[in-house]
Amino acid sequence: MKTLIISLYSLLIIKYNVYQDDTTAVIGKALNLKEGAIIVTKENKRFYIDGLDYWGKKYIGKIVQVTGVIIIRETKVDTNEPPSQNSSGIKKIITKAKFNLFN
């Protein structure tokens, strides 16, 4: 069952979260971005790792398997307001993440 949660992040940004109930495993390359740790699959899909600011030396640049619950978050910026550093778009986030190197 999927649940749609609507919350007001600030006066300018509305975030929509769609939660999946099932635990999912994702395999990809561990990379660091300014926004935090991500993995990129061979299909070039990005998944952000909730609560992980960066990958350590053991994982960075290597293939990892991350298991957790995926949240799909859509952020829309109110275009009637002055520009800000926030961006619009869809972000896939793995919550309750557990990870290890993938052989």
Protein backbone atom coordinates (compact mmCIF):
# COMPACT_ATOMS: atom_id res chain seq x y z
CA MET A 1 0.00 0.00 0.00
CA LYS A 2 1.32 3.45 -0.88
CA THR A 3 0.59 6.52 1.19
CA LEU A 4 0.76 10.09 -0.05
CA ILE A 5 1.94 12.57 2.57
CA ILE A 6 1.79 16.27 1.83
CA SER A 7 3.73 18.66 4.06
CA LEU A 8 4.69 22.29 3.81
CA TYR A 9 8.51 22.45 3.96
CA SER A 10 8.57 26.23 3.90
CA LEU A 11 6.46 28.96 2.42
CA LEU A 12 8.19 28.41 -0.93
CA ILE A 13 8.50 24.63 -1.20
CA ILE A 14 6.00 21.81 -1.07
CA LYS A 15 7.29 18.24 -0.80
CA TYR A 16 5.27 15.17 -1.68
CA ASN A 17 6.49 11.87 -0.27
CA VAL A 18 5.30 8.53 -1.63
CA TYR A 19 6.35 5.68 0.64
CA GLN A 20 6.77 2.05 -0.33
CA ASP A 21 6.01 -0.42 2.43
CA ASP A 22 8.47 -3.07 1.27
CA THR A 23 12.19 -3.26 1.86
CA THR A 24 14.11 -3.09 -1.40
CA ALA A 25 17.75 -3.79 -2.33
CA VAL A 26 19.50 -1.46 -4.79
CA ILE A 27 22.96 -2.10 -6.27
CA GLY A 28 25.10 0.72 -7.60
CA LYS A 29 28.25 2.82 -7.37
CA ALA A 30 28.74 4.80 -4.14
CA LEU A 31 29.31 8.52 -4.81
CA ASN A 32 29.28 11.72 -2.77
CA LEU A 33 27.40 14.87 -3.75
CA LYS A 34 27.02 18.19 -1.98
CA GLU A 35 23.52 16.99 -1.01
CA GLY A 36 24.85 13.78 0.54
CA ALA A 37 25.70 10.17 -0.24
CA ILE A 38 24.10 8.53 -3.27
CA ILE A 39 24.35 5.36 -5.29
CA VAL A 40 24.06 5.34 -9.07
CA THR A 41 22.79 2.16 -10.71
CA LYS A 42 24.07 0.85 -14.04
CA GLU A 43 20.83 2.23 -15.52
CA ASN A 44 22.05 5.65 -14.28
CA LYS A 45 19.31 6.00 -11.64
CA ARG A 46 20.26 7.96 -8.51
CA PHE A 47 19.24 7.00 -5.00
CA TYR A 48 20.04 9.24 -2.05
CA ILE A 49 20.86 7.55 1.24
CA ASP A 50 18.81 9.05 4.06
CA GLY A 51 20.93 10.22 6.99
CA LEU A 52 24.29 9.55 5.31
CA ASP A 53 26.23 12.73 4.54
CA TYR A 54 29.07 10.97 2.70
CA TRP A 55 30.54 7.57 1.95
CA GLY A 56 33.75 6.65 3.76
CA LYS A 57 36.94 5.49 2.05
CA LYS A 58 35.87 1.84 2.28
CA TYR A 59 32.82 2.46 0.05
CA ILE A 60 33.45 5.52 -2.13
CA GLY A 61 33.67 4.68 -5.85
CA LYS A 62 32.85 1.01 -5.24
CA ILE A 63 29.79 -1.10 -6.01
CA VAL A 64 27.53 -1.39 -2.96
CA GLN A 65 24.23 -3.00 -2.14
CA VAL A 66 21.86 -0.80 -0.12
CA THR A 67 18.77 -2.30 1.48
CA GLY A 68 15.96 -0.14 2.85
CA VAL A 69 12.61 1.49 2.20
CA ILE A 70 12.44 3.79 -0.82
CA ILE A 71 10.72 7.16 -0.60
CA ILE A 72 9.97 9.07 -3.78
CA ARG A 73 9.97 12.79 -3.01
CA GLU A 74 8.74 15.43 -5.43
CA THR A 75 9.65 19.01 -4.63
CA LYS A 76 8.03 21.97 -6.33
CA VAL A 77 9.24 25.53 -5.87
CA ASP A 78 6.71 28.35 -5.92
CA THR A 79 7.72 30.35 -9.00
CA ASN A 80 5.88 33.43 -7.74
CA GLU A 81 8.46 33.88 -4.97
CA PRO A 82 12.07 35.14 -5.28
CA PRO A 83 14.66 32.54 -6.39
CA SER A 84 16.28 30.37 -3.73
CA GLN A 85 18.89 27.60 -3.60
CA ASN A 86 16.19 24.93 -3.45
CA SER A 87 15.51 22.87 -6.56
CA SER A 88 12.45 21.23 -8.03
CA GLY A 89 12.29 17.63 -9.07
CA ILE A 90 11.87 14.02 -8.05
CA LYS A 91 14.32 12.42 -5.64
CA LYS A 92 14.50 8.73 -4.74
CA ILE A 93 15.63 8.29 -1.13
CA ILE A 94 16.48 5.03 0.62
CA THR A 95 15.49 5.20 4.30
CA LYS A 96 16.40 2.74 7.06
CA ALA A 97 19.42 1.98 4.89
CA LYS A 98 21.81 -0.88 5.52
CA PHE A 99 24.68 -1.29 3.11
CA ASN A 100 27.67 -3.43 2.28
CA LEU A 101 30.17 -3.90 -0.53
CA PHE A 102 28.79 -5.94 -3.41
CA ASN A 103 30.97 -8.60 -5.01
